[in-house]
Amino acid sequence: MKYPSLRFVFDRKRKATKTKTGLVQIEVTSERKRKWISTGVKLYSDQWNDRRMVINSPDMISLNKRLTEQRQLIQEWVHDLERRREEFEFDKLDRFLATRLVADNFIEYVETRIDERTDIRESTKKVQRKLINSLKSFKRITYFTDLTKKNIVAYDSWLHKQNYVQTTVHSYHKFMKIYINDAIRAEIIDSNPYDVQGKSRE
């Protein structure tokens, strides 16, 4: 049986410039068929090297670690198929990704939980989805591992720089706490970064 090969592909759609970011994806190739998996990492044109991966970025160490871990997660799953002599299928990969990668991605977790909730109105869901857009714009909180005291403080500063009134800033923090605590109850993470933050501006 043949098993897929994996590699990183940067800016497949050729959109990246020095002022506009492009996406890093994991390309999975099997039997002349390909699938591209988003890593959530976006870079400028001068921040990627095919051999060294992320370069010219103050976050390149953490970003390269994140990329490596994502690729390794899929590679280990493929190796497990090999050990069990189980045939590879893209549908199987999709099911695996649905249960594993989303669980590692805080933004996707929040999106899913908002959609799933039946205890709040659609109008409330619409308001809470603004948190998702703000985190995507902030860019430093995507994965559960990004939920640190340092990033929460940076997020608070970023919100204030957007010229939001204090009640709006407070609401974003309130929504964050709701879904962080939700993830703690689901045993995805162990602690709340707000609990160790001390005094903040929000």
N, C-alpha and C. Protein backbone atom coordinates (compact mmCIF):
# COMPACT_ATOMS: atom_id res chain seq x y z
N MET A 1 0.84 -1.20 0.00
CA MET A 1 0.00 0.00 0.00
C MET A 1 0.87 1.25 0.00
N LYS A 2 0.39 2.27 -0.66
CA LYS A 2 1.12 3.52 -0.73
C LYS A 2 0.51 4.52 0.24
N TYR A 3 1.40 5.34 0.80
CA TYR A 3 0.96 6.33 1.77
C TYR A 3 1.39 7.72 1.32
N PRO A 4 0.69 8.74 1.77
CA PRO A 4 0.90 10.09 1.24
C PRO A 4 2.21 10.73 1.68
N SER A 5 2.63 11.70 0.90
CA SER A 5 3.78 12.53 1.27
C SER A 5 3.26 13.89 1.72
N LEU A 6 4.01 14.53 2.60
CA LEU A 6 3.61 15.83 3.15
C LEU A 6 4.69 16.86 2.90
N ARG A 7 4.29 18.07 2.62
CA ARG A 7 5.24 19.18 2.52
C ARG A 7 4.51 20.49 2.77
N PHE A 8 5.28 21.51 3.17
CA PHE A 8 4.70 22.83 3.35
C PHE A 8 4.67 23.57 2.01
N VAL A 9 3.59 24.30 1.80
CA VAL A 9 3.45 25.14 0.61
C VAL A 9 3.09 26.54 1.08
N PHE A 10 3.88 27.52 0.69
CA PHE A 10 3.61 28.90 1.06
C PHE A 10 3.02 29.68 -0.11
N ASP A 11 1.94 30.38 0.17
CA ASP A 11 1.34 31.31 -0.80
C ASP A 11 0.98 30.60 -2.12
N ARG A 12 0.25 29.52 -2.01
CA ARG A 12 -0.13 28.75 -3.20
C ARG A 12 -0.92 29.59 -4.20
N LYS A 13 -1.69 30.54 -3.70
CA LYS A 13 -2.51 31.37 -4.58
C LYS A 13 -1.78 32.64 -5.05
N ARG A 14 -0.50 32.73 -4.68
CA ARG A 14 0.36 33.83 -5.12
C ARG A 14 -0.23 35.22 -4.82
N LYS A 15 -0.56 35.41 -3.57
CA LYS A 15 -1.12 36.69 -3.13
C LYS A 15 -0.14 37.50 -2.27
N ALA A 16 0.88 36.84 -1.75
CA ALA A 16 1.77 37.50 -0.79
C ALA A 16 2.68 38.54 -1.44
N THR A 17 2.83 39.65 -0.75
CA THR A 17 3.79 40.70 -1.12
C THR A 17 4.47 41.12 0.19
N LYS A 18 5.25 42.18 0.14
CA LYS A 18 5.88 42.68 1.36
C LYS A 18 4.89 43.43 2.25
N THR A 19 3.68 43.66 1.73
CA THR A 19 2.65 44.36 2.52
C THR A 19 1.37 43.53 2.67
N LYS A 20 1.31 42.38 2.01
CA LYS A 20 0.13 41.53 2.06
C LYS A 20 0.56 40.09 2.33
N THR A 21 -0.13 39.43 3.26
CA THR A 21 0.29 38.10 3.68
C THR A 21 -0.28 36.99 2.79
N GLY A 22 0.44 35.87 2.80
CA GLY A 22 0.00 34.65 2.13
C GLY A 22 -0.04 33.53 3.15
N LEU A 23 -0.78 32.49 2.86
CA LEU A 23 -1.01 31.41 3.81
C LEU A 23 0.00 30.27 3.64
N VAL A 24 0.42 29.70 4.76
CA VAL A 24 1.23 28.48 4.75
C VAL A 24 0.27 27.29 4.88
N GLN A 25 0.38 26.34 3.97
CA GLN A 25 -0.47 25.16 4.00
C GLN A 25 0.37 23.88 4.02
N ILE A 26 -0.23 22.81 4.48
CA ILE A 26 0.40 21.50 4.40
C ILE A 26 -0.22 20.78 3.20
N GLU A 27 0.62 20.42 2.25
CA GLU A 27 0.15 19.73 1.06
C GLU A 27 0.28 18.22 1.27
N VAL A 28 -0.82 17.51 1.14
CA VAL A 28 -0.83 16.05 1.27
C VAL A 28 -1.06 15.48 -0.13
N THR A 29 -0.11 14.68 -0.60
CA THR A 29 -0.18 14.11 -1.95
C THR A 29 -0.24 12.59 -1.88
N SER A 30 -1.22 12.02 -2.60
CA SER A 30 -1.38 10.57 -2.64
C SER A 30 -2.02 10.17 -3.97
N GLU A 31 -1.35 9.27 -4.69
CA GLU A 31 -1.88 8.75 -5.95
C GLU A 31 -2.29 9.88 -6.90
N ARG A 32 -1.42 10.87 -7.02
CA ARG A 32 -1.61 12.02 -7.92
C ARG A 32 -2.75 12.95 -7.50
N LYS A 33 -3.29 12.72 -6.32
CA LYS A 33 -4.32 13.61 -5.78
C LYS A 33 -3.69 14.41 -4.65
N ARG A 34 -4.16 15.65 -4.48
CA ARG A 34 -3.58 16.51 -3.46
C ARG A 34 -4.67 17.18 -2.63
N LYS A 35 -4.31 17.43 -1.39
CA LYS A 35 -5.19 18.18 -0.49
C LYS A 35 -4.33 19.20 0.25
N TRP A 36 -4.85 20.40 0.42
CA TRP A 36 -4.11 21.44 1.12
C TRP A 36 -4.80 21.75 2.43
N ILE A 37 -4.03 21.74 3.50
CA ILE A 37 -4.56 21.95 4.85
C ILE A 37 -4.00 23.26 5.39
N SER A 38 -4.87 24.14 5.79
CA SER A 38 -4.44 25.42 6.33
C SER A 38 -3.76 25.24 7.68
N THR A 39 -2.64 25.94 7.88
CA THR A 39 -1.96 25.93 9.17
C THR A 39 -2.38 27.12 10.03
N GLY A 40 -3.06 28.07 9.40
CA GLY A 40 -3.43 29.28 10.11
C GLY A 40 -2.31 30.31 10.17
N VAL A 41 -1.14 29.96 9.63
CA VAL A 41 0.01 30.87 9.66
C VAL A 41 0.06 31.68 8.37
N LYS A 42 0.05 32.99 8.51
CA LYS A 42 0.12 33.88 7.35
C LYS A 42 1.38 34.75 7.44
N LEU A 43 2.07 34.86 6.32
CA LEU A 43 3.36 35.56 6.29
C LEU A 43 3.46 36.49 5.10
N TYR A 44 4.37 37.44 5.20
CA TYR A 44 4.69 38.30 4.05
C TYR A 44 5.66 37.57 3.13
N SER A 45 5.80 38.07 1.94
CA SER A 45 6.59 37.37 0.91
C SER A 45 8.04 37.14 1.30
N ASP A 46 8.60 38.01 2.15
CA ASP A 46 10.01 37.87 2.54
C ASP A 46 10.19 37.14 3.86
N GLN A 47 9.11 36.46 4.32
CA GLN A 47 9.18 35.77 5.61
C GLN A 47 9.15 34.25 5.48
N TRP A 48 9.34 33.75 4.28
CA TRP A 48 9.31 32.30 4.09
C TRP A 48 10.51 31.82 3.29
N ASN A 49 11.08 30.72 3.75
CA ASN A 49 12.16 30.05 3.04
C ASN A 49 11.83 28.56 3.02
N ASP A 50 11.90 27.94 1.84
CA ASP A 50 11.48 26.54 1.72
C ASP A 50 12.29 25.60 2.61
N ARG A 51 13.51 25.96 2.93
CA ARG A 51 14.34 25.09 3.77
C ARG A 51 14.22 25.46 5.25
N ARG A 52 14.27 26.74 5.55
CA ARG A 52 14.26 27.20 6.95
C ARG A 52 12.86 27.52 7.46
N MET A 53 11.90 27.52 6.57
CA MET A 53 10.49 27.85 6.88
C MET A 53 10.37 29.34 7.24
N VAL A 54 9.83 29.69 8.41
CA VAL A 54 9.58 31.09 8.73
C VAL A 54 10.90 31.81 9.03
N ILE A 55 11.10 32.95 8.37
CA ILE A 55 12.28 33.77 8.60
C ILE A 55 11.84 35.23 8.73
N ASN A 56 12.76 36.08 9.17
CA ASN A 56 12.51 37.54 9.23
C ASN A 56 11.24 37.90 9.99
N SER A 57 10.94 37.13 11.03
CA SER A 57 9.77 37.42 11.86
C SER A 57 10.17 37.33 13.32
N PRO A 58 9.70 38.26 14.15
CA PRO A 58 10.03 38.18 15.58
C PRO A 58 9.45 36.94 16.24
N ASP A 59 8.45 36.33 15.58
CA ASP A 59 7.81 35.13 16.14
C ASP A 59 8.23 33.87 15.41
N MET A 60 9.35 33.91 14.68
CA MET A 60 9.68 32.78 13.80
C MET A 60 9.93 31.49 14.58
N ILE A 61 10.48 31.57 15.79
CA ILE A 61 10.74 30.35 16.55
C ILE A 61 9.42 29.67 16.93
N SER A 62 8.48 30.44 17.46
CA SER A 62 7.19 29.86 17.87
C SER A 62 6.38 29.42 16.65
N LEU A 63 6.46 30.18 15.57
CA LEU A 63 5.71 29.81 14.36
C LEU A 63 6.26 28.54 13.74
N ASN A 64 7.59 28.42 13.68
CA ASN A 64 8.19 27.19 13.15
C ASN A 64 7.87 26.00 14.02
N LYS A 65 7.82 26.21 15.32
CA LYS A 65 7.43 25.13 16.24
C LYS A 65 5.99 24.70 15.97
N ARG A 66 5.12 25.68 15.78
CA ARG A 66 3.72 25.38 15.50
C ARG A 66 3.56 24.61 14.19
N LEU A 67 4.26 25.06 13.16
CA LEU A 67 4.17 24.38 11.86
C LEU A 67 4.69 22.95 11.96
N THR A 68 5.82 22.79 12.63
CA THR A 68 6.40 21.46 12.78
C THR A 68 5.46 20.52 13.52
N GLU A 69 4.81 21.03 14.56
CA GLU A 69 3.90 20.20 15.35
C GLU A 69 2.67 19.80 14.54
N GLN A 70 2.19 20.70 13.70
CA GLN A 70 1.03 20.37 12.88
C GLN A 70 1.37 19.29 11.85
N ARG A 71 2.50 19.45 11.21
CA ARG A 71 2.92 18.44 10.24
C ARG A 71 3.18 17.10 10.93
N GLN A 72 3.82 17.15 12.09
CA GLN A 72 4.12 15.93 12.83
C GLN A 72 2.85 15.20 13.25
N LEU A 73 1.82 15.96 13.61
CA LEU A 73 0.55 15.37 14.01
C LEU A 73 -0.02 14.51 12.88
N ILE A 74 0.01 15.04 11.67
CA ILE A 74 -0.51 14.30 10.52
C ILE A 74 0.41 13.15 10.15
N GLN A 75 1.73 13.40 10.22
CA GLN A 75 2.69 12.36 9.87
C GLN A 75 2.57 11.16 10.80
N GLU A 76 2.36 11.42 12.07
CA GLU A 76 2.22 10.33 13.03
C GLU A 76 0.95 9.53 12.77
N TRP A 77 -0.10 10.22 12.34
CA TRP A 77 -1.34 9.53 11.99
C TRP A 77 -1.12 8.62 10.78
N VAL A 78 -0.37 9.12 9.79
CA VAL A 78 -0.05 8.30 8.61
C VAL A 78 0.79 7.09 9.01
N HIS A 79 1.78 7.31 9.89
CA HIS A 79 2.62 6.19 10.35
C HIS A 79 1.78 5.14 11.07
N ASP A 80 0.77 5.60 11.79
CA ASP A 80 -0.11 4.67 12.49
C ASP A 80 -0.90 3.81 11.50
N LEU A 81 -1.32 4.43 10.39
CA LEU A 81 -1.99 3.65 9.33
C LEU A 81 -1.05 2.58 8.79
N GLU A 82 0.20 2.97 8.58
CA GLU A 82 1.19 2.01 8.06
C GLU A 82 1.38 0.85 9.01
N ARG A 83 1.52 1.16 10.30
CA ARG A 83 1.74 0.10 11.28
C ARG A 83 0.58 -0.88 11.32
N ARG A 84 -0.63 -0.35 11.12
CA ARG A 84 -1.80 -1.22 11.14
C ARG A 84 -2.14 -1.76 9.76
N ARG A 85 -1.28 -1.41 8.78
CA ARG A 85 -1.49 -1.85 7.40
C ARG A 85 -2.89 -1.49 6.91
N GLU A 86 -3.29 -0.27 7.27
CA GLU A 86 -4.60 0.24 6.88
C GLU A 86 -4.45 1.21 5.71
N GLU A 87 -5.31 1.09 4.75
CA GLU A 87 -5.22 1.91 3.54
C GLU A 87 -5.50 3.38 3.84
N PHE A 88 -4.72 4.24 3.19
CA PHE A 88 -4.95 5.68 3.32
C PHE A 88 -6.07 6.13 2.40
N GLU A 89 -6.95 6.98 2.93
CA GLU A 89 -8.00 7.61 2.14
C GLU A 89 -8.15 9.05 2.60
N PHE A 90 -8.42 9.95 1.66
CA PHE A 90 -8.56 11.36 2.02
C PHE A 90 -9.75 11.57 2.96
N ASP A 91 -10.79 10.76 2.80
CA ASP A 91 -11.94 10.88 3.71
C ASP A 91 -11.54 10.57 5.15
N LYS A 92 -10.66 9.60 5.31
CA LYS A 92 -10.16 9.26 6.65
C LYS A 92 -9.36 10.43 7.22
N LEU A 93 -8.57 11.05 6.36
CA LEU A 93 -7.78 12.21 6.79
C LEU A 93 -8.70 13.35 7.24
N ASP A 94 -9.77 13.58 6.49
CA ASP A 94 -10.72 14.64 6.84
C ASP A 94 -11.34 14.39 8.21
N ARG A 95 -11.69 13.13 8.48
CA ARG A 95 -12.29 12.81 9.78
C ARG A 95 -11.28 13.00 10.90
N PHE A 96 -10.03 12.63 10.63
CA PHE A 96 -8.98 12.81 11.63
C PHE A 96 -8.77 14.29 11.93
N LEU A 97 -8.69 15.10 10.89
CA LEU A 97 -8.47 16.53 11.07
C LEU A 97 -9.61 17.18 11.82
N ALA A 98 -10.82 16.72 11.56
CA ALA A 98 -12.00 17.29 12.22
C ALA A 98 -11.97 17.08 13.72
N THR A 99 -11.36 15.98 14.14
CA THR A 99 -11.33 15.67 15.58
C THR A 99 -10.06 16.14 16.27
N ARG A 100 -8.99 16.38 15.53
CA ARG A 100 -7.71 16.72 16.16
C ARG A 100 -7.30 18.16 15.99
N LEU A 101 -7.23 18.66 14.76
CA LEU A 101 -6.72 20.01 14.55
C LEU A 101 -7.65 21.07 15.10
N VAL A 102 -8.97 20.86 14.94
CA VAL A 102 -9.90 21.84 15.49
C VAL A 102 -9.77 21.93 17.00
N ALA A 103 -9.48 20.78 17.63
CA ALA A 103 -9.33 20.76 19.07
C ALA A 103 -8.11 21.57 19.52
N ASP A 104 -7.13 21.76 18.66
CA ASP A 104 -5.94 22.54 18.99
C ASP A 104 -6.11 24.02 18.67
N ASN A 105 -7.12 24.36 17.89
CA ASN A 105 -7.30 25.71 17.39
C ASN A 105 -8.39 26.42 18.21
N PHE A 106 -7.98 27.43 18.98
CA PHE A 106 -8.93 28.12 19.85
C PHE A 106 -10.00 28.86 19.06
N ILE A 107 -9.60 29.54 17.99
CA ILE A 107 -10.57 30.30 17.20
C ILE A 107 -11.63 29.37 16.60
N GLU A 108 -11.18 28.25 16.05
CA GLU A 108 -12.13 27.30 15.47
C GLU A 108 -13.01 26.68 16.55
N TYR A 109 -12.44 26.48 17.72
CA TYR A 109 -13.23 25.96 18.84
C TYR A 109 -14.34 26.93 19.21
N VAL A 110 -14.01 28.22 19.31
CA VAL A 110 -15.01 29.23 19.64
C VAL A 110 -16.10 29.29 18.57
N GLU A 111 -15.68 29.24 17.30
CA GLU A 111 -16.66 29.25 16.21
C GLU A 111 -17.63 28.08 16.33
N THR A 112 -17.09 26.91 16.59
CA THR A 112 -17.92 25.71 16.70
C THR A 112 -18.86 25.78 17.89
N ARG A 113 -18.35 26.22 19.03
CA ARG A 113 -19.17 26.27 20.24
C ARG A 113 -20.29 27.31 20.12
N ILE A 114 -20.00 28.43 19.50
CA ILE A 114 -21.06 29.43 19.30
C ILE A 114 -22.17 28.85 18.43
N ASP A 115 -21.78 28.17 17.37
CA ASP A 115 -22.78 27.58 16.47
C ASP A 115 -23.60 26.49 17.17
N GLU A 116 -22.95 25.75 18.06
CA GLU A 116 -23.61 24.62 18.73
C GLU A 116 -24.55 25.04 19.84
N ARG A 117 -24.33 26.19 20.44
CA ARG A 117 -25.08 26.57 21.63
C ARG A 117 -26.57 26.77 21.35
N THR A 118 -27.36 26.23 22.25
CA THR A 118 -28.82 26.38 22.14
C THR A 118 -29.37 27.21 23.29
N ASP A 119 -28.48 27.65 24.19
CA ASP A 119 -28.92 28.40 25.36
C ASP A 119 -28.85 29.91 25.16
N ILE A 120 -28.44 30.36 23.99
CA ILE A 120 -28.40 31.79 23.69
C ILE A 120 -29.10 32.06 22.36
N ARG A 121 -29.57 33.29 22.20
CA ARG A 121 -30.29 33.66 21.00
C ARG A 121 -29.33 33.88 19.83
N GLU A 122 -29.87 33.87 18.63
CA GLU A 122 -29.06 34.11 17.44
C GLU A 122 -28.44 35.51 17.48
N SER A 123 -29.16 36.47 18.02
CA SER A 123 -28.63 37.84 18.13
C SER A 123 -27.41 37.87 19.05
N THR A 124 -27.43 37.06 20.10
CA THR A 124 -26.28 36.98 21.01
C THR A 124 -25.11 36.30 20.32
N LYS A 125 -25.40 35.26 19.54
CA LYS A 125 -24.34 34.59 18.78
C LYS A 125 -23.67 35.57 17.82
N LYS A 126 -24.47 36.40 17.19
CA LYS A 126 -23.93 37.38 16.24
C LYS A 126 -22.96 38.33 16.93
N VAL A 127 -23.32 38.76 18.13
CA VAL A 127 -22.45 39.66 18.89
C VAL A 127 -21.17 38.94 19.30
N GLN A 128 -21.29 37.70 19.76
CA GLN A 128 -20.12 36.95 20.22
C GLN A 128 -19.17 36.61 19.08
N ARG A 129 -19.69 36.48 17.87
CA ARG A 129 -18.83 36.18 16.72
C ARG A 129 -17.87 37.34 16.41
N LYS A 130 -18.13 38.52 16.96
CA LYS A 130 -17.22 39.63 16.77
C LYS A 130 -15.87 39.33 17.43
N LEU A 131 -15.90 38.52 18.49
CA LEU A 131 -14.65 38.09 19.13
C LEU A 131 -13.78 37.34 18.14
N ILE A 132 -14.39 36.48 17.33
CA ILE A 132 -13.64 35.69 16.35
C ILE A 132 -12.92 36.60 15.37
N ASN A 133 -13.63 37.59 14.85
CA ASN A 133 -13.02 38.52 13.89
C ASN A 133 -11.90 39.32 14.53
N SER A 134 -12.08 39.69 15.79
CA SER A 134 -11.04 40.48 16.46
C SER A 134 -9.78 39.65 16.68
N LEU A 135 -9.95 38.37 17.04
CA LEU A 135 -8.78 37.51 17.24
C LEU A 135 -8.05 37.25 15.93
N LYS A 136 -8.80 37.10 14.85
CA LYS A 136 -8.17 36.90 13.54
C LYS A 136 -7.37 38.14 13.14
N SER A 137 -7.87 39.32 13.49
CA SER A 137 -7.16 40.56 13.17
C SER A 137 -5.94 40.74 14.08
N PHE A 138 -6.08 40.36 15.34
CA PHE A 138 -4.99 40.46 16.31
C PHE A 138 -3.83 39.53 15.94
N LYS A 139 -4.14 38.30 15.52
CA LYS A 139 -3.20 37.32 14.98
C LYS A 139 -2.31 36.60 16.00
N ARG A 140 -2.28 37.06 17.23
CA ARG A 140 -1.37 36.41 18.19
C ARG A 140 -2.06 35.35 19.06
N ILE A 141 -3.40 35.27 18.95
CA ILE A 141 -4.13 34.23 19.67
C ILE A 141 -4.95 33.44 18.66
N THR A 142 -4.42 32.28 18.29
CA THR A 142 -5.11 31.38 17.36
C THR A 142 -5.29 30.01 17.99
N TYR A 143 -4.23 29.50 18.59
CA TYR A 143 -4.24 28.15 19.16
C TYR A 143 -4.36 28.24 20.68
N PHE A 144 -4.77 27.13 21.29
CA PHE A 144 -4.88 27.10 22.75
C PHE A 144 -3.55 27.42 23.41
N THR A 145 -2.46 27.04 22.78
CA THR A 145 -1.14 27.34 23.34
C THR A 145 -0.82 28.83 23.32
N ASP A 146 -1.60 29.60 22.56
CA ASP A 146 -1.40 31.06 22.51
C ASP A 146 -2.09 31.77 23.68
N LEU A 147 -2.89 31.03 24.45
CA LEU A 147 -3.63 31.63 25.56
C LEU A 147 -2.71 31.76 26.77
N THR A 148 -1.87 32.79 26.72
CA THR A 148 -0.93 33.07 27.79
C THR A 148 -1.20 34.44 28.39
N LYS A 149 -0.69 34.67 29.59
CA LYS A 149 -0.82 35.97 30.24
C LYS A 149 -0.29 37.08 29.33
N LYS A 150 0.88 36.84 28.73
CA LYS A 150 1.50 37.84 27.87
C LYS A 150 0.61 38.21 26.69
N ASN A 151 0.01 37.21 26.05
CA ASN A 151 -0.83 37.48 24.89
C ASN A 151 -2.16 38.12 25.27
N ILE A 152 -2.69 37.77 26.43
CA ILE A 152 -3.93 38.40 26.89
C ILE A 152 -3.69 39.89 27.13
N VAL A 153 -2.56 40.22 27.77
CA VAL A 153 -2.21 41.63 28.01
C VAL A 153 -2.02 42.36 26.68
N ALA A 154 -1.35 41.70 25.73
CA ALA A 154 -1.13 42.31 24.41
C ALA A 154 -2.45 42.50 23.67
N TYR A 155 -3.35 41.55 23.82
CA TYR A 155 -4.68 41.65 23.20
C TYR A 155 -5.45 42.82 23.77
N ASP A 156 -5.36 43.00 25.09
CA ASP A 156 -6.03 44.13 25.74
C ASP A 156 -5.49 45.46 25.19
N SER A 157 -4.17 45.57 25.06
CA SER A 157 -3.56 46.79 24.52
C SER A 157 -3.99 47.02 23.08
N TRP A 158 -4.04 45.94 22.31
CA TRP A 158 -4.45 46.03 20.90
C TRP A 158 -5.90 46.51 20.79
N LEU A 159 -6.78 46.00 21.65
CA LEU A 159 -8.18 46.42 21.62
C LEU A 159 -8.31 47.92 21.90
N HIS A 160 -7.55 48.40 22.86
CA HIS A 160 -7.61 49.84 23.18
C HIS A 160 -7.10 50.69 22.01
N LYS A 161 -6.12 50.17 21.28
CA LYS A 161 -5.58 50.91 20.14
C LYS A 161 -6.57 50.96 18.97
N GLN A 162 -7.60 50.11 19.01
CA GLN A 162 -8.62 50.15 17.96
C GLN A 162 -9.66 51.24 18.23
N ASN A 163 -9.44 51.97 19.30
CA ASN A 163 -10.33 53.08 19.70
C ASN A 163 -11.73 52.60 20.10
N TYR A 164 -11.80 51.38 20.64
CA TYR A 164 -13.06 50.90 21.17
C TYR A 164 -13.34 51.60 22.50
N VAL A 165 -14.62 51.79 22.81
CA VAL A 165 -14.98 52.31 24.13
C VAL A 165 -14.74 51.19 25.14
N GLN A 166 -14.64 51.56 26.41
CA GLN A 166 -14.29 50.58 27.44
C GLN A 166 -15.30 49.45 27.54
N THR A 167 -16.57 49.75 27.34
CA THR A 167 -17.58 48.69 27.44
C THR A 167 -17.39 47.63 26.35
N THR A 168 -16.94 48.06 25.17
CA THR A 168 -16.69 47.11 24.09
C THR A 168 -15.48 46.25 24.40
N VAL A 169 -14.41 46.87 24.91
CA VAL A 169 -13.22 46.11 25.30
C VAL A 169 -13.60 45.08 26.36
N HIS A 170 -14.39 45.51 27.32
CA HIS A 170 -14.83 44.60 28.39
C HIS A 170 -15.61 43.42 27.83
N SER A 171 -16.46 43.69 26.83
CA SER A 171 -17.28 42.61 26.27
C SER A 171 -16.41 41.57 25.56
N TYR A 172 -15.35 42.00 24.87
CA TYR A 172 -14.46 41.04 24.21
C TYR A 172 -13.77 40.14 25.25
N HIS A 173 -13.31 40.74 26.33
CA HIS A 173 -12.70 39.94 27.40
C HIS A 173 -13.72 38.99 28.03
N LYS A 174 -14.94 39.46 28.18
CA LYS A 174 -16.00 38.63 28.76
C LYS A 174 -16.24 37.40 27.89
N PHE A 175 -16.31 37.60 26.57
CA PHE A 175 -16.52 36.47 25.65
C PHE A 175 -15.34 35.50 25.68
N MET A 176 -14.13 36.06 25.75
CA MET A 176 -12.93 35.22 25.83
C MET A 176 -13.01 34.31 27.05
N LYS A 177 -13.37 34.88 28.19
CA LYS A 177 -13.43 34.11 29.43
C LYS A 177 -14.48 33.02 29.35
N ILE A 178 -15.60 33.32 28.69
CA ILE A 178 -16.67 32.32 28.56
C ILE A 178 -16.15 31.06 27.87
N TYR A 179 -15.42 31.25 26.75
CA TYR A 179 -15.01 30.09 25.96
C TYR A 179 -13.71 29.47 26.47
N ILE A 180 -12.91 30.23 27.19
CA ILE A 180 -11.76 29.63 27.87
C ILE A 180 -12.26 28.71 28.97
N ASN A 181 -13.22 29.17 29.76
CA ASN A 181 -13.77 28.33 30.82
C ASN A 181 -14.52 27.14 30.25
N ASP A 182 -15.15 27.33 29.11
CA ASP A 182 -15.83 26.23 28.43
C ASP A 182 -14.81 25.15 28.04
N ALA A 183 -13.65 25.58 27.54
CA ALA A 183 -12.59 24.64 27.14
C ALA A 183 -11.99 23.94 28.35
N ILE A 184 -11.93 24.64 29.49
CA ILE A 184 -11.44 24.02 30.72
C ILE A 184 -12.40 22.92 31.16
N ARG A 185 -13.70 23.19 31.08
CA ARG A 185 -14.69 22.17 31.45
C ARG A 185 -14.63 20.97 30.52
N ALA A 186 -14.25 21.23 29.25
CA ALA A 186 -14.11 20.15 28.28
C ALA A 186 -12.76 19.44 28.40
N GLU A 187 -11.92 19.90 29.36
CA GLU A 187 -10.61 19.31 29.64
C GLU A 187 -9.64 19.44 28.45
N ILE A 188 -9.81 20.52 27.68
CA ILE A 188 -8.88 20.80 26.58
C ILE A 188 -7.66 21.54 27.11
N ILE A 189 -7.90 22.45 28.05
CA ILE A 189 -6.81 23.16 28.72
C ILE A 189 -7.02 23.05 30.22
N ASP A 190 -5.97 23.34 30.99
CA ASP A 190 -6.01 23.15 32.44
C ASP A 190 -6.24 24.42 33.22
N SER A 191 -5.85 25.57 32.65
CA SER A 191 -5.92 26.80 33.44
C SER A 191 -6.38 27.98 32.58
N ASN A 192 -6.82 29.01 33.29
CA ASN A 192 -7.30 30.23 32.65
C ASN A 192 -6.24 31.32 32.79
N PRO A 193 -5.70 31.84 31.67
CA PRO A 193 -4.65 32.87 31.77
C PRO A 193 -5.12 34.13 32.48
N TYR A 194 -6.41 34.37 32.50
CA TYR A 194 -6.93 35.53 33.22
C TYR A 194 -6.75 35.38 34.73
N ASP A 195 -6.73 34.16 35.21
CA ASP A 195 -6.61 33.93 36.65
C ASP A 195 -5.24 34.33 37.19
N VAL A 196 -4.23 34.35 36.29
CA VAL A 196 -2.87 34.69 36.74
C VAL A 196 -2.43 36.03 36.18
N GLN A 197 -3.39 36.75 35.60
CA GLN A 197 -3.02 37.99 34.94
C GLN A 197 -2.79 39.14 35.90
N GLY A 198 -3.48 39.09 37.04
CA GLY A 198 -3.37 40.22 37.94
C GLY A 198 -4.23 41.37 37.42
N LYS A 199 -3.88 42.56 37.76
CA LYS A 199 -4.66 43.72 37.35
C LYS A 199 -4.46 43.98 35.86
N SER A 200 -5.53 44.30 35.18
CA SER A 200 -5.46 44.62 33.76
C SER A 200 -6.27 45.87 33.50
N ARG A 201 -6.21 46.32 32.28
CA ARG A 201 -6.91 47.54 31.92
C ARG A 201 -8.37 47.28 31.63
N GLU A 202 -8.75 46.00 31.41
CA GLU A 202 -10.13 45.74 31.04
C GLU A 202 -11.05 45.69 32.24
